[in-house]
């Protein structure tokens, strides 16, 4: 344990291979082990160097990033992939597909023509550093779990390393009438949502959701989920009256709040400062939900970096709301759900595969 995080960079652009390689070379506890111009070349280097992390462009000749990711998923269980995506409709659909397949995260690639190489360097570095840090944490966690597995077989019980969090349910908490479901999610979210949302049926309540993503990508994710699901899934529009049986995603780049308008509830999109370094922010949405619905709210916090949503869940629970969070083992990163847990604001901690069923049980009660 304690070895450097080994990284390979895959991109058909020499400029971007150089930029990303230079960034990696300056990070502590990270080892840059090679580059490749397409997925086919990358596979040979992956087999040779066994990296922990592959940073891959999507649009490449010979073998693209999606095809590379699918092969990595089959052959290398403990290898993470970060997708580097251009900004555009075609690339946003491919990026969402990559996240659905299990890519750790993605960063957007600024066009070379719009900025100097140095400006591109700074922009990419600011996006890349947090996800490389996450990959380092995941490598460490995998090593801990491997040691735990060995300890289970070989060591006395007092020396075992075990997961600190198990699925739990707080006893005696009465669930109030639920009028709305509120969802917050970030890193690892598209894959989690694609497991949960298509399973939901006979949901006669609105679902209001924040997935941390840039503009365009939230629309693409909503369209993808809408095709897969029995409920309607849309990206929210300014002034829209929320309807039962519809899931509304906050658009990337703005905050979504709700307001009471006569007997109806209306969506308001506001372009104010980021909250918890996020825009849209889960806390901003959840606080507005508490103002409109009081405690008649089921909150669901899924995988994600940071602590966005923890304060909002606390506010809703103080009014009588009920809280589900995803457990640590099935989360890509347990930042957001873990923050709720650490504040003792989780009524139930569940693995991903149990969440859809539990949502349906709660809203039927």
Protein backbone atom coordinates (compact mmCIF):
# COMPACT_ATOMS: atom_id res chain seq x y z
CA UNK A 1 0.00 0.00 0.00
CA UNK A 2 1.13 3.56 -0.63
CA UNK A 3 2.33 3.10 -4.24
CA UNK A 4 1.86 6.02 -6.60
CA UNK A 5 -1.31 6.32 -8.68
CA UNK A 6 -0.26 5.24 -12.19
CA UNK A 7 -1.91 7.13 -15.06
CA UNK A 8 -2.06 6.72 -18.85
CA UNK A 9 -3.33 9.55 -21.10
CA UNK A 10 -5.20 8.66 -24.30
CA UNK A 11 -5.94 11.42 -26.84
CA UNK A 12 -5.46 11.85 -30.56
CA UNK A 13 -4.49 15.50 -30.01
CA UNK A 14 -0.77 15.94 -29.35
CA UNK A 15 -1.47 19.31 -27.67
CA UNK A 16 -3.87 17.82 -25.15
CA UNK A 17 -1.69 14.79 -24.49
CA UNK A 18 1.10 17.22 -23.66
CA UNK A 19 -1.08 19.48 -21.48
CA UNK A 20 -2.53 16.62 -19.43
CA UNK A 21 0.83 14.85 -19.15
CA UNK A 22 2.43 18.05 -17.83
CA UNK A 23 -0.32 18.43 -15.22
CA UNK A 24 0.13 14.84 -14.05
CA UNK A 25 3.89 15.21 -13.81
CA UNK A 26 3.44 17.94 -11.20
CA UNK A 27 1.15 16.00 -8.85
CA UNK A 28 2.49 14.33 -5.72
CA UNK A 29 2.05 10.54 -5.40
CA UNK A 30 1.12 10.23 -9.08
CA UNK A 31 3.17 8.47 -11.75
CA UNK A 32 2.70 9.26 -15.42
CA UNK A 33 3.40 5.99 -17.28
CA UNK A 34 2.52 6.69 -20.90
CA UNK A 35 0.35 8.15 -23.66
CA UNK A 36 -1.58 6.76 -26.62
CA UNK A 37 -3.18 8.34 -29.67
CA UNK A 38 -6.18 5.98 -29.79
CA UNK A 39 -7.89 3.23 -27.83
CA UNK A 40 -6.17 0.37 -29.62
CA UNK A 41 -2.68 1.67 -28.81
CA UNK A 42 -3.89 2.40 -25.27
CA UNK A 43 -4.92 -1.22 -24.69
CA UNK A 44 -1.39 -2.44 -25.40
CA UNK A 45 0.06 0.10 -22.96
CA UNK A 46 -2.59 -0.69 -20.36
CA UNK A 47 -1.62 -4.36 -20.52
CA UNK A 48 2.05 -3.43 -20.18
CA UNK A 49 1.85 -0.84 -17.37
CA UNK A 50 -1.38 -1.81 -15.50
CA UNK A 51 -2.33 1.79 -14.64
CA UNK A 52 -4.78 2.67 -11.89
CA UNK A 53 -6.34 5.47 -13.94
CA UNK A 54 -6.87 6.06 -17.66
CA UNK A 55 -7.64 9.61 -18.82
CA UNK A 56 -9.22 9.24 -22.24
CA UNK A 57 -10.64 11.44 -24.95
CA UNK A 58 -13.95 10.28 -26.45
CA UNK A 59 -13.61 11.14 -30.13
CA UNK A 60 -10.58 9.23 -31.51
CA UNK A 61 -9.78 7.24 -34.65
CA UNK A 62 -9.41 3.44 -34.73
CA UNK A 63 -10.98 2.92 -31.28
CA UNK A 64 -12.89 5.68 -29.47
CA UNK A 65 -13.20 6.32 -25.75
CA UNK A 66 -16.51 4.46 -25.35
CA UNK A 67 -15.12 1.32 -26.98
CA UNK A 68 -11.99 1.57 -24.83
CA UNK A 69 -14.06 1.97 -21.66
CA UNK A 70 -16.18 -1.09 -22.48
CA UNK A 71 -13.05 -3.24 -22.85
CA UNK A 72 -11.48 -1.86 -19.66
CA UNK A 73 -14.70 -2.68 -17.77
CA UNK A 74 -14.48 -6.31 -18.92
CA UNK A 75 -10.77 -6.83 -18.33
CA UNK A 76 -9.71 -4.59 -15.43
CA UNK A 77 -12.01 -4.44 -12.43
CA UNK A 78 -9.96 -1.96 -10.39
CA UNK A 79 -9.09 0.52 -13.15
CA UNK A 80 -10.78 3.93 -13.18
CA UNK A 81 -11.44 5.98 -16.32
CA UNK A 82 -11.86 9.74 -16.59
CA UNK A 83 -13.41 10.89 -19.86
CA UNK A 84 -12.23 14.08 -21.59
CA UNK A 85 -15.18 15.44 -23.54
CA UNK A 86 -15.69 18.24 -26.02
CA UNK A 87 -18.62 20.61 -25.63
CA UNK A 88 -21.41 19.82 -28.07
CA UNK A 89 -24.59 17.79 -28.41
CA UNK A 90 -22.96 14.69 -29.92
CA UNK A 91 -20.19 14.62 -27.33
CA UNK A 92 -22.60 15.22 -24.43
CA UNK A 93 -24.56 12.10 -25.43
CA UNK A 94 -21.35 10.07 -25.62
CA UNK A 95 -20.20 11.46 -22.27
CA UNK A 96 -23.45 10.50 -20.54
CA UNK A 97 -23.12 7.06 -22.12
CA UNK A 98 -19.57 6.79 -20.71
CA UNK A 99 -20.78 7.75 -17.24
CA UNK A 100 -23.59 5.20 -17.54
CA UNK A 101 -20.95 2.57 -18.33
CA UNK A 102 -19.05 3.48 -15.18
CA UNK A 103 -16.54 6.20 -16.09
CA UNK A 104 -15.40 7.79 -12.82
CA UNK A 105 -16.07 11.33 -14.04
CA UNK A 106 -15.49 13.63 -16.98
CA UNK A 107 -13.87 16.96 -17.74
CA UNK A 108 -14.70 19.20 -20.67
CA UNK A 109 -12.06 20.09 -23.23
CA UNK A 110 -11.76 23.79 -24.10
CA UNK A 111 -11.18 24.34 -27.82
CA UNK A 112 -7.59 25.27 -28.60
CA UNK A 113 -8.74 28.08 -30.87
CA UNK A 114 -10.45 29.96 -28.06
CA UNK A 115 -7.54 30.35 -25.65
CA UNK A 116 -3.81 30.13 -25.38
CA UNK A 117 -2.16 26.84 -24.46
CA UNK A 118 -1.40 28.20 -20.97
CA UNK A 119 -5.02 29.21 -20.41
CA UNK A 120 -6.10 25.74 -21.50
CA UNK A 121 -3.54 24.27 -19.13
CA UNK A 122 -4.90 26.20 -16.15
CA UNK A 123 -8.51 25.40 -17.02
CA UNK A 124 -7.89 21.68 -17.48
CA UNK A 125 -5.75 21.51 -14.33
CA UNK A 126 -8.54 23.05 -12.23
CA UNK A 127 -11.02 20.46 -13.54
CA UNK A 128 -8.65 17.51 -13.42
CA UNK A 129 -7.11 17.87 -9.95
CA UNK A 130 -10.25 16.98 -7.93
CA UNK A 131 -10.98 13.83 -9.96
CA UNK A 132 -7.35 12.67 -9.78
CA UNK A 133 -7.54 13.19 -6.02
CA UNK A 134 -10.71 11.07 -6.01
CA UNK A 135 -8.93 8.33 -8.01
CA UNK A 136 -6.12 8.33 -5.42
CA UNK A 137 -8.68 7.92 -2.64
CA UNK A 138 -10.40 5.08 -4.48
CA UNK A 139 -7.07 3.29 -5.00
CA UNK A 140 -6.35 3.59 -1.27
CA UNK A 141 -9.86 2.33 -0.40
CA UNK A 142 -9.46 -0.69 -2.69
CA UNK A 143 -6.17 -1.54 -1.00
CA UNK A 144 -7.78 -1.26 2.44
CA UNK A 145 -10.57 -3.61 1.36
CA UNK A 146 -8.07 -6.12 0.03
CA UNK A 147 -6.25 -6.04 3.37
CA UNK A 148 -9.60 -6.42 5.10
CA UNK A 149 -10.34 -9.51 3.01
CA UNK A 150 -6.97 -11.03 3.94
CA UNK A 151 -7.54 -10.14 7.59
CA UNK A 152 -10.91 -11.89 7.55
CA UNK A 153 -9.23 -15.11 6.49
CA UNK A 154 -5.98 -14.94 8.44
CA UNK A 155 -6.12 -12.65 11.50
CA UNK A 156 -7.88 -12.66 14.89
CA UNK A 157 -11.12 -10.69 15.01
CA UNK A 158 -9.59 -7.80 17.01
CA UNK A 159 -7.11 -7.10 14.20
CA UNK A 160 -9.55 -7.11 11.32
CA UNK A 161 -10.08 -4.05 9.16
CA UNK A 162 -13.79 -3.72 8.39
CA UNK A 163 -16.13 -1.24 6.72
CA UNK A 164 -17.18 1.35 9.28
CA UNK A 165 -20.64 1.87 7.83
CA UNK A 166 -23.33 -0.77 7.32
CA UNK A 167 -26.85 -0.33 5.94
CA UNK A 168 -28.92 0.95 8.86
CA UNK A 169 -32.36 2.21 9.70
CA UNK A 170 -33.15 4.54 12.58
CA UNK A 171 -35.83 2.85 14.65
CA UNK A 172 -39.05 4.51 15.69
CA UNK A 173 -39.01 7.32 13.09
CA UNK A 174 -42.54 7.83 11.77
CA UNK A 175 -42.73 8.68 8.09
CA UNK A 176 -45.03 11.61 7.42
CA UNK A 177 -47.20 11.97 4.33
CA UNK A 178 -44.87 12.40 1.35
CA UNK A 179 -45.82 15.02 -1.26
CA UNK A 180 -42.52 15.32 -3.12
CA UNK A 181 -39.26 13.39 -3.63
CA UNK A 182 -36.03 15.44 -3.57
CA UNK A 183 -32.82 13.96 -5.02
CA UNK A 184 -29.23 15.16 -4.80
CA UNK A 185 -26.31 13.48 -6.58
CA UNK A 186 -22.91 14.24 -8.10
CA UNK A 187 -19.89 12.07 -9.02
CA UNK A 188 -21.09 8.63 -10.11
CA UNK A 189 -24.62 9.97 -10.42
CA UNK A 190 -25.61 9.07 -13.97
CA UNK A 191 -24.88 5.37 -13.42
CA UNK A 192 -26.71 5.41 -10.06
CA UNK A 193 -29.71 7.26 -11.50
CA UNK A 194 -29.92 4.90 -14.47
CA UNK A 195 -30.18 2.02 -11.99
CA UNK A 196 -32.81 3.73 -9.82
CA UNK A 197 -35.12 5.87 -11.96
CA UNK A 198 -36.17 3.26 -14.59
CA UNK A 199 -37.28 1.00 -11.73
CA UNK A 200 -39.75 3.56 -10.38
CA UNK A 201 -43.38 2.92 -11.29
CA UNK A 202 -46.73 4.24 -10.13
CA UNK A 203 -45.04 7.30 -8.64
CA UNK A 204 -47.80 9.90 -8.41
CA UNK A 205 -45.55 12.59 -6.96
CA UNK A 206 -43.13 15.09 -8.47
CA UNK A 207 -39.41 14.36 -8.21
CA UNK A 208 -37.05 17.35 -8.02
CA UNK A 209 -33.37 16.61 -8.62
CA UNK A 210 -29.94 18.17 -8.75
CA UNK A 211 -27.15 16.32 -10.58
CA UNK A 212 -23.92 18.34 -10.59
CA UNK A 213 -23.21 18.76 -14.31
CA UNK A 214 -22.47 21.60 -16.73
CA UNK A 215 -25.11 23.01 -19.10
CA UNK A 216 -26.21 20.70 -21.94
CA UNK A 217 -25.13 17.55 -20.06
CA UNK A 218 -28.11 17.78 -17.66
CA UNK A 219 -30.47 17.95 -20.65
CA UNK A 220 -28.78 14.95 -22.23
CA UNK A 221 -29.03 12.96 -18.99
CA UNK A 222 -32.73 13.84 -18.63
CA UNK A 223 -33.39 12.72 -22.21
CA UNK A 224 -31.54 9.45 -21.61
CA UNK A 225 -33.47 8.70 -18.41
CA UNK A 226 -36.75 9.64 -20.05
CA UNK A 227 -36.19 7.00 -22.74
CA UNK A 228 -35.43 4.33 -20.13
CA UNK A 229 -38.11 5.15 -17.54
CA UNK A 230 -41.83 4.73 -16.99
CA UNK A 231 -42.06 8.18 -15.42
CA UNK A 232 -41.46 11.34 -17.46
CA UNK A 233 -38.00 12.88 -16.95
CA UNK A 234 -37.22 16.43 -18.12
CA UNK A 235 -34.77 19.25 -17.65
CA UNK A 236 -36.68 21.94 -15.76
CA UNK A 237 -37.82 25.13 -17.51
CA UNK A 238 -38.29 28.58 -16.02
CA UNK A 239 -41.85 29.12 -14.77
CA UNK A 240 -42.87 25.50 -15.27
CA UNK A 241 -45.70 24.26 -13.03
CA UNK A 242 -44.58 20.99 -11.46
CA UNK A 243 -46.75 17.95 -12.13
CA UNK A 244 -47.14 14.62 -10.38
CA UNK A 245 -45.29 11.71 -11.96
CA UNK A 246 -42.61 13.93 -13.52
CA UNK A 247 -38.93 14.16 -12.57
CA UNK A 248 -37.35 17.61 -13.01
CA UNK A 249 -33.57 18.10 -13.26
CA UNK A 250 -32.03 21.45 -12.43
CA UNK A 251 -30.28 22.71 -15.58
CA UNK A 252 -26.50 22.93 -15.39
CA UNK A 253 -25.16 26.40 -14.65
CA UNK A 254 -28.14 27.76 -12.66
CA UNK A 255 -29.82 27.06 -9.33
CA UNK A 256 -33.34 25.61 -9.28
CA UNK A 257 -35.82 26.62 -6.58
CA UNK A 258 -39.57 26.18 -6.26
CA UNK A 259 -42.22 28.68 -5.22
CA UNK A 260 -45.88 28.41 -4.28
CA UNK A 261 -48.15 30.17 -6.78
CA UNK A 262 -51.79 30.08 -5.72
CA UNK A 263 -52.58 26.35 -5.50
CA UNK A 264 -49.67 25.31 -7.71
CA UNK A 265 -45.91 25.02 -7.35
CA UNK A 266 -43.69 26.75 -9.90
CA UNK A 267 -40.05 26.27 -10.87
CA UNK A 268 -37.75 29.29 -10.72
CA UNK A 269 -34.25 29.17 -12.21
CA UNK A 270 -31.89 31.69 -10.64
CA UNK A 271 -28.43 32.73 -11.81
CA UNK A 272 -26.79 33.54 -8.48
CA UNK A 273 -23.40 32.61 -7.00
CA UNK A 274 -22.40 28.95 -6.52
CA UNK A 275 -23.25 27.36 -3.17
CA UNK A 276 -20.87 24.69 -1.82
CA UNK A 277 -18.89 25.41 -5.03
CA UNK A 278 -21.88 24.01 -6.95
CA UNK A 279 -24.29 25.48 -9.46
CA UNK A 280 -26.89 24.02 -9.37
CA UNK A 281 -26.75 23.28 -5.65
CA UNK A 282 -28.69 20.61 -3.78
CA UNK A 283 -28.90 22.80 -0.67
CA UNK A 284 -30.47 25.68 -2.61
CA UNK A 285 -33.16 23.39 -4.04
CA UNK A 286 -33.80 21.54 -0.77
CA UNK A 287 -34.19 24.76 1.24
CA UNK A 288 -36.85 25.98 -1.18
CA UNK A 289 -38.59 22.59 -1.00
CA UNK A 290 -38.70 22.89 2.81
CA UNK A 291 -40.35 26.32 2.46
CA UNK A 292 -43.08 24.95 0.18
CA UNK A 293 -43.67 21.39 1.41
CA UNK A 294 -42.49 21.57 5.03
CA UNK A 295 -41.77 18.04 6.25
CA UNK A 296 -43.80 16.15 3.65
CA UNK A 297 -40.61 15.35 1.76
CA UNK A 298 -38.56 12.24 1.03
CA UNK A 299 -34.91 13.24 0.46
CA UNK A 300 -32.54 10.91 -1.38
CA UNK A 301 -28.81 11.68 -1.38
CA UNK A 302 -26.71 9.55 -3.68
CA UNK A 303 -23.01 9.23 -4.53
CA UNK A 304 -21.04 12.45 -4.90
CA UNK A 305 -18.03 14.50 -3.81
CA UNK A 306 -18.34 17.25 -1.22
CA UNK A 307 -21.14 17.96 1.23
CA UNK A 308 -23.79 19.66 -0.89
CA UNK A 309 -27.22 18.62 0.36
CA UNK A 310 -26.37 17.91 4.00
CA UNK A 311 -27.73 21.25 5.27
CA UNK A 312 -30.80 20.96 3.08
CA UNK A 313 -31.58 17.47 4.37
CA UNK A 314 -31.17 18.75 7.94
CA UNK A 315 -33.62 21.60 7.30
CA UNK A 316 -36.23 19.25 5.82
CA UNK A 317 -35.84 16.66 8.60
CA UNK A 318 -36.33 19.32 11.26
CA UNK A 319 -39.76 19.86 9.74
CA UNK A 320 -40.50 16.11 9.75
CA UNK A 321 -39.05 14.92 6.44
CA UNK A 322 -37.56 11.48 5.85
CA UNK A 323 -34.04 10.84 4.59
CA UNK A 324 -32.50 8.03 2.51
CA UNK A 325 -28.81 7.94 1.60
CA UNK A 326 -26.73 5.58 -0.52
CA UNK A 327 -24.28 3.45 1.44
CA UNK A 328 -20.50 3.81 1.23
CA UNK A 329 -19.77 0.49 -0.45
CA UNK A 330 -21.94 1.14 -3.50
CA UNK A 331 -21.07 4.85 -3.83
CA UNK A 332 -18.38 5.99 -6.24
CA UNK A 333 -17.54 8.54 -3.55
CA UNK A 334 -19.28 8.83 -0.18
CA UNK A 335 -18.85 12.58 0.26
CA UNK A 336 -22.43 13.81 -0.07
CA UNK A 337 -24.23 10.86 1.55
CA UNK A 338 -21.45 10.54 4.12
CA UNK A 339 -21.93 14.18 5.13
CA UNK A 340 -25.61 13.50 5.83
CA UNK A 341 -24.68 10.38 7.80
CA UNK A 342 -22.06 12.21 9.87
CA UNK A 343 -24.66 14.81 10.87
CA UNK A 344 -26.93 11.95 12.02
CA UNK A 345 -29.51 13.02 9.43
CA UNK A 346 -29.88 9.69 7.61
CA UNK A 347 -33.03 7.75 8.47
CA UNK A 348 -31.91 4.88 6.26
CA UNK A 349 -28.57 3.95 4.66
CA UNK A 350 -29.12 1.62 1.71
CA UNK A 351 -27.10 -0.03 -1.05
CA UNK A 352 -27.89 1.28 -4.51
CA UNK A 353 -29.90 -1.76 -5.61
CA UNK A 354 -32.38 -1.33 -2.72
CA UNK A 355 -33.11 2.38 -3.13
CA UNK A 356 -35.75 2.28 -5.90
CA UNK A 357 -37.79 -0.35 -4.09
CA UNK A 358 -37.60 1.52 -0.82
CA UNK A 359 -38.71 4.79 -2.44
CA UNK A 360 -41.80 3.05 -3.81
CA UNK A 361 -42.56 1.50 -0.41
CA UNK A 362 -42.32 4.84 1.38
CA UNK A 363 -44.46 6.87 -1.02
CA UNK A 364 -47.20 4.20 -0.99
CA UNK A 365 -47.50 4.27 2.82
